[in-house]
Amino acid sequence: MRAKEYLEINKKRIYHYDQVKKSVYDLYPLRNSKIQTEVYFNRYLFADTRYRSYEQYYADKPPSTTFNEREDEIDRNIAHKVRQEILNVISADDTFIFAYNIITVGANKYDDYHRIMAYNLKEENRNTLTYIEEICKNYKEDYPKADLADYLLDDNNRTIFNNRKCDLRKDEDWWICAFNKAYEIFDLVRAKVSNPFQAQYIIKNIYFDDKDLERTIVEIIKSLIDNYSYDLTDAQKKKLQMLSDNIDGYGKEYFLKIDDIYLDNIRDLNLDEINWLKATHLFNYEVISMWTTHEAFNPEQRLHIIDLIEKKYLIEKEKHPDIFIYDLSHFFASLREQRNINYLNDPQPQAYKYLPERVEELESTIDQKNKEIEKIKNTIGQLNQLLDGEKQKIKQLKTKLRTETRALKTTIAELTEETNTRGMTMPQQVLAFYYLFNELGISFNNSDKTQWARFINTFTGKNFQNIRTELNIDFESRKTQKNLRIVADLFAELFPRIQQKVINDSQI
């Protein structure tokens, strides 16, 4: 099952649903990159392990800095649970192989890995990327595309294009837009297909202010629904069929009408009490136009209807942005402009009785807006003064920064020269401490590496995390063997017995 369907079907059972959904959707465009997926996890989803590492580092000393969670990083108190929920969401979706393995192993750059033993790793090899891209293609998630020909490789898409290109006479960019939008809406609708009687309105109420484009997009979506069967349960297939049957009503007269329950007593309706969500069939713009042009309403009422519907639309769009996905602001503005023109030009006497009040109202609004504009101008002037002051500070800081940068570069050069001419590298120092500690009877078997790291960190000033990493010594590596020979020379004069142990290890 796709991750998007799992999220929608199980939304009431998923802990921290909003954070889980955001993370999964953020990971969607990163699925074909292991590196970018790892970067995302380390940046946003491992605050708990980052905090553990911070606590270990400052365990025996007062912290020099305060631990702060980053912007949009999942709170460390719930990060582990959010990762577990993400794992549940993506476990059956093989396009998330990299993310799945990261969570299962607990792979992060801050602390030792803590694997979830109940889950088996998914195989990663040189064919993994091709495998992920093939599944994305099967899921119809391989969009948007920049080349029309890539869409026309699909037989069903090519049939629609060949049947409509002569009638529509549209260029390549128009067709690419149509296919990209159709695939995007199809992707969204599939996640909502558990409720096909709600999902149908996403398609039937399509709005892009271009009727040809809208009809073509609906036709492509209908073809996608009718021909899609990959990784679906029997229940999902049946609900997709229900959705297909429902969207057959797109553009039909029985759907694009004001319902009889309103028409039967339309002149006596209380406009403020109408449920405009239902009365407009979930904000179908053609039905809205019918309400705002109906002969039963005078110009003042028509403008009031626009206001009422727009207010309800904005409320519902904020509550359900995944259902009301189209931006109708331009449509409402166009309606209001047209109604105002008709209002002022209406030859009927009834219209003119409202005109003085309307003009007075508009004049009052203009005065208020002018005052607000003047206020904004004053604010902008004050902000510009502040900005000038800040610019001067920035200029001074830049001058100071350049001076400090030059001094820092000189210091770095001196330190680099000193490092190149004297002393051991940090891995060589770690090896020296290893043999000294062993000579004193201290080993990894009777002490903790974290304690070693703190001791060496305090003694040498080297980075704690790097020391901790180097303590995982691979004696067979070429680098370690080379370092052992250097360390052996260190012990030659004072500790010949230790030198012999190092020489013996370097001959493995």
Protein backbone atom coordinates (compact mmCIF):
# COMPACT_ATOMS: atom_id res chain seq x y z
CA MET A 1 0.00 0.00 0.00
CA ARG A 2 1.22 3.50 -0.85
CA ALA A 3 2.27 5.65 2.08
CA LYS A 4 -0.30 8.32 1.15
CA GLU A 5 -3.18 5.82 1.27
CA TYR A 6 -1.95 4.42 4.59
CA LEU A 7 -1.86 7.94 6.08
CA GLU A 8 -5.39 8.71 4.95
CA ILE A 9 -6.93 5.38 5.98
CA ASN A 10 -5.24 5.28 9.41
CA LYS A 11 -5.20 8.99 10.26
CA LYS A 12 -7.23 8.50 13.46
CA ARG A 13 -4.87 5.78 14.72
CA ILE A 14 -1.53 7.45 14.03
CA TYR A 15 0.10 9.23 16.96
CA HIS A 16 1.36 12.76 16.18
CA TYR A 17 -0.40 12.54 12.81
CA ASP A 18 0.40 16.09 11.61
CA GLN A 19 4.15 15.70 12.24
CA VAL A 20 4.17 12.21 10.69
CA LYS A 21 2.28 13.33 7.58
CA LYS A 22 4.52 16.37 7.07
CA SER A 23 7.67 14.25 7.40
CA VAL A 24 6.41 11.60 4.96
CA TYR A 25 5.38 14.21 2.39
CA ASP A 26 8.74 15.98 2.83
CA LEU A 27 10.50 12.66 2.14
CA TYR A 28 8.54 11.95 -1.06
CA PRO A 29 10.78 14.01 -3.40
CA LEU A 30 13.93 12.59 -1.71
CA ARG A 31 13.12 8.90 -2.22
CA ASN A 32 15.63 8.35 -5.03
CA SER A 33 18.52 9.87 -3.05
CA LYS A 34 19.96 8.07 -0.03
CA ILE A 35 22.20 11.02 0.82
CA GLN A 36 19.38 13.59 0.81
CA THR A 37 17.20 11.22 2.84
CA GLU A 38 19.96 10.86 5.45
CA VAL A 39 20.43 14.64 5.58
CA TYR A 40 16.69 15.13 6.18
CA PHE A 41 16.61 12.55 9.00
CA ASN A 42 19.66 14.04 10.74
CA ARG A 43 18.24 17.55 10.37
CA TYR A 44 14.65 16.96 11.51
CA LEU A 45 14.02 13.49 12.97
CA PHE A 46 16.86 12.65 15.39
CA ALA A 47 16.60 15.39 18.05
CA ASP A 48 16.51 12.69 20.75
CA THR A 49 19.84 11.11 19.76
CA ARG A 50 21.36 14.54 19.20
CA TYR A 51 20.35 15.44 22.75
CA ARG A 52 21.80 12.17 24.14
CA SER A 53 25.13 12.95 22.50
CA TYR A 54 25.00 16.46 23.96
CA GLU A 55 24.29 15.09 27.46
CA GLN A 56 27.17 12.59 27.24
CA TYR A 57 29.60 15.27 26.15
CA TYR A 58 28.67 17.60 29.02
CA ALA A 59 28.12 14.84 31.61
CA ASP A 60 30.99 15.92 33.89
CA LYS A 61 31.30 19.57 33.01
CA PRO A 62 29.01 22.61 32.85
CA PRO A 63 27.64 23.09 29.33
CA SER A 64 29.16 25.93 27.37
CA THR A 65 26.09 26.12 25.18
CA THR A 66 22.36 25.49 25.59
CA PHE A 67 20.77 22.63 23.66
CA ASN A 68 18.28 24.08 21.20
CA GLU A 69 16.03 22.22 18.82
CA ARG A 70 16.24 23.47 15.26
CA GLU A 71 13.43 25.08 13.33
CA ASP A 72 10.88 22.42 12.23
CA GLU A 73 12.85 19.70 14.03
CA ILE A 74 10.60 17.12 15.72
CA ASP A 75 10.62 17.56 19.50
CA ARG A 76 13.12 15.21 21.12
CA ASN A 77 10.45 13.90 23.52
CA ILE A 78 8.39 12.46 20.65
CA ALA A 79 11.05 11.99 17.93
CA HIS A 80 11.37 8.24 18.57
CA LYS A 81 7.59 7.73 18.40
CA VAL A 82 7.32 9.82 15.23
CA ARG A 83 10.04 7.71 13.55
CA GLN A 84 8.18 4.54 14.58
CA GLU A 85 4.93 5.86 13.11
CA ILE A 86 6.73 6.87 9.90
CA LEU A 87 8.10 3.34 9.69
CA ASN A 88 4.58 1.92 9.96
CA VAL A 89 3.39 4.28 7.22
CA ILE A 90 6.17 3.49 4.72
CA SER A 91 6.84 -0.18 5.52
CA ALA A 92 4.73 -1.48 2.61
CA ASP A 93 5.81 1.26 0.17
CA ASP A 94 9.12 0.19 -1.38
CA THR A 95 9.79 3.63 -2.82
CA PHE A 96 10.93 4.52 0.72
CA ILE A 97 13.65 1.86 1.01
CA PHE A 98 16.31 4.34 2.16
CA ALA A 99 14.08 5.93 4.81
CA TYR A 100 12.88 2.51 6.00
CA ASN A 101 16.43 1.23 6.55
CA ILE A 102 17.54 4.44 8.29
CA ILE A 103 14.74 4.08 10.87
CA THR A 104 15.19 0.33 11.28
CA VAL A 105 18.94 0.63 11.95
CA GLY A 106 18.59 3.93 13.81
CA ALA A 107 21.29 5.36 11.53
CA ASN A 108 22.28 8.89 12.52
CA LYS A 109 25.43 10.97 12.88
CA TYR A 110 25.02 11.82 16.56
CA ASP A 111 25.11 8.59 18.56
CA ASP A 112 25.50 4.82 18.44
CA TYR A 113 22.83 3.13 16.34
CA HIS A 114 19.89 1.47 18.10
CA ARG A 115 18.34 -1.01 15.72
CA ILE A 116 14.66 -2.00 15.86
CA MET A 117 15.15 -5.76 15.93
CA ALA A 118 11.53 -6.58 15.02
CA TYR A 119 12.08 -5.29 11.46
CA ASN A 120 14.24 -6.81 8.74
CA LEU A 121 16.31 -4.49 6.59
CA LYS A 122 15.34 -4.06 2.95
CA GLU A 123 18.07 -4.91 0.47
CA GLU A 124 20.11 -2.05 -0.98
CA ASN A 125 22.32 -2.66 -4.00
CA ARG A 126 23.32 -0.97 -7.25
CA ASN A 127 19.86 -1.68 -8.69
CA THR A 128 17.95 -0.10 -5.80
CA LEU A 129 17.56 3.32 -7.45
CA THR A 130 16.23 1.75 -10.66
CA TYR A 131 13.86 -0.37 -8.56
CA ILE A 132 12.50 2.71 -6.73
CA GLU A 133 12.00 4.63 -9.98
CA GLU A 134 10.16 1.69 -11.52
CA ILE A 135 7.77 1.49 -8.57
CA CYS A 136 7.18 5.26 -8.76
CA LYS A 137 6.30 4.78 -12.42
CA ASN A 138 3.89 1.95 -11.58
CA TYR A 139 2.32 4.12 -8.87
CA LYS A 140 1.93 6.94 -11.46
CA GLU A 141 4.04 9.12 -9.18
CA ASP A 142 6.62 9.92 -11.88
CA TYR A 143 5.45 13.52 -12.33
CA PRO A 144 5.77 16.37 -13.09
CA LYS A 145 7.49 15.91 -16.42
CA ALA A 146 9.09 18.53 -18.64
CA ASP A 147 8.74 16.61 -21.91
CA LEU A 148 5.34 15.80 -23.41
CA ALA A 149 6.77 12.74 -25.17
CA ASP A 150 7.42 11.10 -21.78
CA TYR A 151 3.69 11.18 -21.04
CA LEU A 152 2.80 9.92 -24.50
CA LEU A 153 4.84 6.74 -23.98
CA ASP A 154 1.74 5.58 -22.11
CA ASP A 155 -0.77 4.16 -24.60
CA ASN A 156 -3.83 5.59 -22.84
CA ASN A 157 -2.31 9.08 -22.66
CA ARG A 158 -1.34 8.92 -26.31
CA THR A 159 -4.90 7.95 -27.28
CA ILE A 160 -6.35 10.99 -25.48
CA PHE A 161 -3.77 13.28 -27.07
CA ASN A 162 -4.36 11.95 -30.60
CA ASN A 163 -8.16 12.15 -30.24
CA ARG A 164 -8.20 15.74 -28.94
CA LYS A 165 -5.20 17.52 -30.49
CA CYS A 166 -6.99 18.48 -33.71
CA ASP A 167 -10.06 19.86 -31.95
CA LEU A 168 -8.17 21.73 -29.25
CA ARG A 169 -5.23 22.99 -31.35
CA LYS A 170 -3.10 23.61 -28.24
CA ASP A 171 0.68 23.82 -28.07
CA GLU A 172 3.06 21.45 -26.27
CA ASP A 173 3.29 23.56 -23.10
CA TRP A 174 -0.50 23.49 -22.72
CA TRP A 175 -0.58 19.70 -23.00
CA ILE A 176 2.32 19.26 -20.53
CA CYS A 177 0.40 21.45 -18.07
CA ALA A 178 -2.75 19.34 -18.59
CA PHE A 179 -0.95 16.04 -17.94
CA ASN A 180 1.02 17.38 -14.96
CA LYS A 181 -2.13 18.74 -13.34
CA ALA A 182 -4.07 15.55 -14.08
CA TYR A 183 -1.41 13.33 -12.50
CA GLU A 184 -1.17 15.64 -9.49
CA ILE A 185 -4.94 15.55 -8.90
CA PHE A 186 -5.07 11.77 -9.52
CA ASP A 187 -2.35 11.32 -6.90
CA LEU A 188 -4.39 13.34 -4.39
CA VAL A 189 -7.71 11.67 -5.22
CA ARG A 190 -6.28 8.15 -4.76
CA ALA A 191 -5.32 9.04 -1.19
CA LYS A 192 -8.97 10.01 -0.62
CA VAL A 193 -10.52 7.06 -2.45
CA SER A 194 -11.57 5.43 0.84
CA ASN A 195 -14.46 7.92 0.59
CA PRO A 196 -15.21 8.10 -3.16
CA PHE A 197 -18.40 10.11 -2.67
CA GLN A 198 -16.34 12.92 -1.16
CA ALA A 199 -13.33 12.50 -3.44
CA GLN A 200 -15.51 12.94 -6.55
CA TYR A 201 -15.92 16.66 -5.87
CA ILE A 202 -12.17 17.26 -6.17
CA ILE A 203 -12.54 16.27 -9.83
CA LYS A 204 -16.08 17.48 -10.62
CA ASN A 205 -15.42 20.93 -9.16
CA ILE A 206 -12.13 21.47 -11.00
CA TYR A 207 -11.26 25.12 -11.65
CA PHE A 208 -8.37 26.57 -13.67
CA ASP A 209 -10.27 29.39 -15.43
CA ASP A 210 -9.88 27.51 -18.74
CA LYS A 211 -12.77 25.25 -19.71
CA ASP A 212 -10.81 23.34 -22.36
CA LEU A 213 -8.02 22.66 -19.87
CA GLU A 214 -10.49 21.55 -17.19
CA ARG A 215 -12.32 19.12 -19.51
CA THR A 216 -9.03 17.65 -20.74
CA ILE A 217 -7.67 17.18 -17.20
CA VAL A 218 -10.87 15.41 -16.13
CA GLU A 219 -10.65 13.14 -19.19
CA ILE A 220 -7.02 12.22 -18.35
CA ILE A 221 -7.92 11.58 -14.69
CA LYS A 222 -10.86 9.40 -15.75
CA SER A 223 -8.51 7.35 -17.95
CA LEU A 224 -5.98 7.01 -15.13
CA ILE A 225 -8.66 5.81 -12.71
CA ASP A 226 -10.14 3.32 -15.18
CA ASN A 227 -6.77 1.81 -16.09
CA TYR A 228 -5.02 1.80 -12.70
CA SER A 229 -4.77 -1.41 -10.67
CA TYR A 230 -1.22 -1.56 -9.28
CA ASP A 231 -0.88 -2.59 -5.62
CA LEU A 232 -4.60 -2.23 -4.86
CA THR A 233 -6.78 -4.31 -2.58
CA ASP A 234 -10.12 -5.55 -3.89
CA ALA A 235 -11.85 -2.90 -1.77
CA GLN A 236 -9.70 -0.14 -3.25
CA LYS A 237 -10.42 -1.35 -6.80
CA LYS A 238 -14.18 -1.25 -6.13
CA LYS A 239 -13.99 2.22 -4.61
CA LEU A 240 -11.97 3.48 -7.57
CA GLN A 241 -14.75 2.15 -9.80
CA MET A 242 -17.32 4.02 -7.67
CA LEU A 243 -15.25 7.19 -8.09
CA SER A 244 -15.10 6.64 -11.86
CA ASP A 245 -18.89 6.22 -12.01
CA ASN A 246 -19.43 9.37 -9.93
CA ILE A 247 -17.21 11.63 -12.02
CA ASP A 248 -19.19 10.68 -15.12
CA GLY A 249 -21.51 13.41 -13.85
CA TYR A 250 -18.90 16.09 -14.59
CA GLY A 251 -20.42 18.78 -16.82
CA LYS A 252 -23.84 17.07 -16.89
CA GLU A 253 -27.03 19.12 -16.57
CA TYR A 254 -28.31 17.17 -13.57
CA PHE A 255 -25.19 18.14 -11.61
CA LEU A 256 -24.79 21.72 -12.84
CA LYS A 257 -28.05 23.10 -11.48
CA ILE A 258 -29.52 24.69 -8.38
CA ASP A 259 -31.26 21.92 -6.48
CA ASP A 260 -35.06 21.83 -6.52
CA ILE A 261 -35.21 22.16 -2.74
CA TYR A 262 -34.07 25.76 -3.23
CA LEU A 263 -35.79 26.49 -6.57
CA ASP A 264 -39.26 25.61 -5.24
CA ASN A 265 -39.30 28.65 -2.93
CA ILE A 266 -36.30 30.64 -4.17
CA ARG A 267 -37.91 34.08 -3.70
CA ASP A 268 -38.58 33.43 -0.03
CA LEU A 269 -35.14 32.07 0.91
CA ASN A 270 -33.22 33.54 3.83
CA LEU A 271 -29.82 33.84 2.20
CA ASP A 272 -27.98 33.98 5.53
CA GLU A 273 -29.35 30.60 6.61
CA ILE A 274 -28.51 28.61 3.47
CA ASN A 275 -25.82 25.93 3.74
CA TRP A 276 -23.74 27.22 0.84
CA LEU A 277 -21.42 24.20 0.97
CA LYS A 278 -24.30 21.95 -0.11
CA ALA A 279 -26.14 24.56 -2.17
CA THR A 280 -23.11 24.97 -4.48
CA HIS A 281 -22.26 21.23 -4.59
CA LEU A 282 -19.04 21.86 -2.61
CA PHE A 283 -18.23 25.11 -4.44
CA ASN A 284 -18.70 24.23 -8.09
CA TYR A 285 -17.98 27.51 -9.82
CA GLU A 286 -20.67 27.02 -12.47
CA VAL A 287 -23.34 26.42 -9.82
CA ILE A 288 -22.09 29.48 -7.93
CA SER A 289 -22.52 31.52 -11.13
CA MET A 290 -26.12 30.27 -11.42
CA TRP A 291 -26.89 31.53 -7.92
CA THR A 292 -25.34 34.94 -8.54
CA THR A 293 -27.18 35.48 -11.84
CA HIS A 294 -30.59 34.05 -10.96
CA GLU A 295 -33.44 36.37 -11.89
CA ALA A 296 -35.09 35.93 -8.48
CA PHE A 297 -32.42 38.08 -6.83
CA ASN A 298 -31.85 41.81 -7.15
CA PRO A 299 -28.32 43.23 -7.59
CA GLU A 300 -27.86 43.83 -3.86
CA GLN A 301 -28.82 40.23 -3.07
CA ARG A 302 -26.51 38.88 -5.74
CA LEU A 303 -23.55 40.72 -4.22
CA HIS A 304 -24.57 39.41 -0.80
CA ILE A 305 -24.65 35.85 -2.15
CA ILE A 306 -21.09 36.23 -3.46
CA ASP A 307 -19.96 37.45 -0.03
CA LEU A 308 -21.69 34.59 1.79
CA ILE A 309 -20.35 31.88 -0.52
CA GLU A 310 -16.80 33.26 -0.49
CA LYS A 311 -16.80 33.48 3.32
CA LYS A 312 -17.97 29.87 3.61
CA TYR A 313 -15.46 28.77 0.97
CA LEU A 314 -12.53 30.36 2.83
CA ILE A 315 -13.58 28.69 6.10
CA GLU A 316 -13.86 25.24 4.49
CA LYS A 317 -10.63 25.68 2.53
CA GLU A 318 -8.74 26.42 5.74
CA LYS A 319 -10.29 23.38 7.48
CA HIS A 320 -9.86 20.98 4.53
CA PRO A 321 -7.10 22.23 2.20
CA ASP A 322 -6.65 18.72 0.79
CA ILE A 323 -10.28 18.70 -0.46
CA PHE A 324 -10.77 22.29 -1.60
CA ILE A 325 -7.55 22.45 -3.60
CA TYR A 326 -8.52 25.11 -6.15
CA ASP A 327 -7.96 28.83 -5.69
CA LEU A 328 -11.29 30.54 -6.36
CA SER A 329 -10.15 34.02 -5.27
CA HIS A 330 -9.81 35.21 -8.89
CA PHE A 331 -13.22 33.73 -9.71
CA PHE A 332 -14.93 35.54 -6.82
CA ALA A 333 -13.20 38.80 -7.73
CA SER A 334 -14.37 38.43 -11.33
CA LEU A 335 -17.93 37.66 -10.19
CA ARG A 336 -17.99 40.65 -7.89
CA GLU A 337 -16.64 42.96 -10.58
CA GLN A 338 -19.27 41.77 -13.06
CA ARG A 339 -22.08 42.09 -10.52
CA ASN A 340 -20.95 45.64 -9.64
CA ILE A 341 -21.01 46.61 -13.32
CA ASN A 342 -24.48 45.15 -13.72
CA TYR A 343 -25.55 46.79 -10.47
CA LEU A 344 -24.61 50.27 -11.65
CA ASN A 345 -25.98 49.73 -15.18
CA ASP A 346 -29.23 48.01 -14.18
CA PRO A 347 -32.04 49.87 -16.01
CA GLN A 348 -34.70 48.63 -13.57
CA PRO A 349 -35.87 51.20 -10.99
CA GLN A 350 -35.51 48.64 -8.20
CA ALA A 351 -31.77 48.60 -8.65
CA TYR A 352 -31.43 52.37 -8.28
CA LYS A 353 -33.01 52.54 -4.83
CA TYR A 354 -29.90 50.79 -3.51
CA LEU A 355 -27.45 52.97 -5.42
CA PRO A 356 -27.06 55.95 -3.00
CA GLU A 357 -26.45 53.65 -0.05
CA ARG A 358 -23.95 51.64 -2.08
CA VAL A 359 -22.10 54.78 -3.23
CA GLU A 360 -21.97 56.08 0.35
CA GLU A 361 -20.66 52.73 1.54
CA LEU A 362 -17.98 52.69 -1.16
CA GLU A 363 -16.90 56.26 -0.36
CA SER A 364 -16.60 55.37 3.33
CA THR A 365 -14.54 52.34 2.44
CA ILE A 366 -12.26 54.42 0.19
CA ASP A 367 -11.69 56.97 2.99
CA GLN A 368 -10.83 54.19 5.41
CA LYS A 369 -8.42 52.60 2.94
CA ASN A 370 -6.73 55.95 2.30
CA LYS A 371 -6.16 56.36 6.05
CA GLU A 372 -4.71 52.87 6.22
CA ILE A 373 -2.45 53.63 3.25
CA GLU A 374 -1.18 56.80 4.94
CA LYS A 375 -0.52 54.84 8.11
CA ILE A 376 1.40 52.21 6.15
CA LYS A 377 3.46 54.94 4.43
CA ASN A 378 4.46 56.36 7.84
CA THR A 379 5.40 52.88 9.03
CA ILE A 380 7.47 52.31 5.89
CA GLY A 381 9.28 55.61 6.52
CA GLN A 382 10.14 54.56 10.07
CA LEU A 383 11.29 51.17 8.86
CA ASN A 384 13.49 52.78 6.21
CA GLN A 385 15.18 54.85 8.93
CA LEU A 386 15.78 51.72 10.98
CA LEU A 387 17.04 49.98 7.87
CA ASP A 388 19.56 52.74 7.19
CA GLY A 389 20.86 52.39 10.74
CA GLU A 390 21.12 48.63 10.40
CA LYS A 391 22.92 48.99 7.06
CA GLN A 392 25.52 51.18 8.77
CA LYS A 393 25.95 48.59 11.53
CA ILE A 394 26.30 45.83 8.93
CA LYS A 395 28.96 47.86 7.12
CA GLN A 396 30.91 48.26 10.37
CA LEU A 397 30.51 44.57 11.15
CA LYS A 398 31.76 43.65 7.67
CA THR A 399 34.88 45.77 8.23
CA LYS A 400 35.44 44.15 11.60
CA LEU A 401 34.79 40.71 10.13
CA ARG A 402 37.33 41.22 7.35
CA THR A 403 39.97 42.22 9.93
CA GLU A 404 39.16 39.25 12.15
CA THR A 405 39.07 36.91 9.14
CA ARG A 406 42.56 38.00 8.08
CA ALA A 407 43.83 37.45 11.63
CA LEU A 408 42.11 34.06 11.76
CA LYS A 409 43.61 33.01 8.44
CA THR A 410 47.06 33.94 9.76
CA THR A 411 46.46 31.91 12.93
CA ILE A 412 45.19 28.93 10.92
CA ALA A 413 48.24 29.09 8.66
CA GLU A 414 50.52 29.13 11.70
CA LEU A 415 48.67 26.26 13.33
CA THR A 416 48.69 24.30 10.07
CA GLU A 417 52.43 24.82 9.73
CA GLU A 418 52.92 23.74 13.33
CA THR A 419 50.73 20.66 12.82
CA ASN A 420 52.64 19.72 9.69
CA THR A 421 55.99 19.99 11.42
CA ARG A 422 55.37 18.69 14.95
CA GLY A 423 53.21 16.28 16.91
CA MET A 424 50.97 13.35 16.14
CA THR A 425 47.62 13.30 14.45
CA MET A 426 44.53 12.66 16.56
CA PRO A 427 44.17 8.97 15.42
CA GLN A 428 47.87 8.42 16.30
CA GLN A 429 47.33 10.02 19.73
CA VAL A 430 44.31 7.76 20.34
CA LEU A 431 46.47 4.68 19.54
CA ALA A 432 49.17 5.90 21.95
CA PHE A 433 46.60 6.30 24.73
CA TYR A 434 45.21 2.84 23.87
CA TYR A 435 48.58 1.14 24.54
CA LEU A 436 49.36 3.27 27.60
CA PHE A 437 45.94 2.49 29.14
CA ASN A 438 46.35 -1.22 28.35
CA GLU A 439 49.76 -1.17 30.04
CA LEU A 440 48.02 0.28 33.12
CA GLY A 441 45.46 -2.51 33.02
CA ILE A 442 42.64 -0.42 31.54
CA SER A 443 40.96 -1.89 28.45
CA PHE A 444 37.68 -1.72 26.55
CA ASN A 445 36.55 -4.79 28.48
CA ASN A 446 36.72 -3.15 31.91
CA SER A 447 35.91 0.48 31.01
CA ASP A 448 33.62 2.50 28.73
CA LYS A 449 34.83 4.14 25.53
CA THR A 450 32.93 7.28 26.46
CA GLN A 451 35.12 7.61 29.57
CA TRP A 452 38.22 7.20 27.37
CA ALA A 453 36.92 9.88 25.02
CA ARG A 454 36.30 12.37 27.82
CA PHE A 455 39.80 11.78 29.25
CA ILE A 456 41.54 12.19 25.88
CA ASN A 457 39.33 15.17 25.00
CA THR A 458 40.28 16.97 28.20
CA PHE A 459 43.97 16.03 27.84
CA THR A 460 44.42 16.89 24.14
CA GLY A 461 41.61 19.33 23.40
CA LYS A 462 40.66 17.24 20.35
CA ASN A 463 36.99 16.92 19.32
CA PHE A 464 35.06 14.56 21.64
CA GLN A 465 32.91 12.98 18.90
CA ASN A 466 35.91 12.43 16.60
CA ILE A 467 37.84 10.78 19.46
CA ARG A 468 34.82 8.58 20.20
CA THR A 469 34.73 7.51 16.55
CA GLU A 470 38.49 6.78 16.38
CA LEU A 471 38.22 4.51 19.45
CA ASN A 472 36.53 1.98 17.17
CA ILE A 473 40.00 0.81 16.05
CA ASP A 474 40.29 -1.37 12.96
CA PHE A 475 43.77 -2.89 13.36
CA GLU A 476 43.63 -4.46 9.89
CA SER A 477 43.12 -1.20 8.03
CA ARG A 478 46.02 0.23 6.05
CA LYS A 479 45.66 3.58 7.83
CA THR A 480 45.90 1.98 11.30
CA GLN A 481 48.90 -0.12 10.28
CA LYS A 482 50.71 3.00 9.10
CA ASN A 483 49.86 4.84 12.35
CA LEU A 484 51.06 1.86 14.43
CA ARG A 485 54.54 2.15 12.96
CA ILE A 486 54.69 5.83 13.96
CA VAL A 487 53.37 5.07 17.47
CA ALA A 488 55.95 2.26 17.85
CA ASP A 489 58.76 4.80 17.34
CA LEU A 490 57.28 6.97 20.11
CA PHE A 491 57.68 4.19 22.69
CA ALA A 492 61.18 3.09 21.57
CA GLU A 493 63.25 4.86 24.23
CA LEU A 494 61.11 4.90 27.38
CA PHE A 495 58.76 1.95 26.84
CA PRO A 496 60.48 -0.71 24.72
CA ARG A 497 58.07 -3.37 26.00
CA ILE A 498 55.09 -1.37 24.74
CA GLN A 499 56.96 -0.76 21.49
CA GLN A 500 57.21 -4.52 20.98
CA LYS A 501 53.43 -4.94 21.50
CA VAL A 502 52.78 -2.21 18.92
CA ILE A 503 55.21 -3.84 16.48
CA ASN A 504 53.49 -7.18 16.96
CA ASP A 505 50.06 -5.60 16.24
CA SER A 506 51.39 -3.82 13.19
CA GLN A 507 52.38 -7.17 11.68
CA ILE A 508 48.83 -8.60 11.69
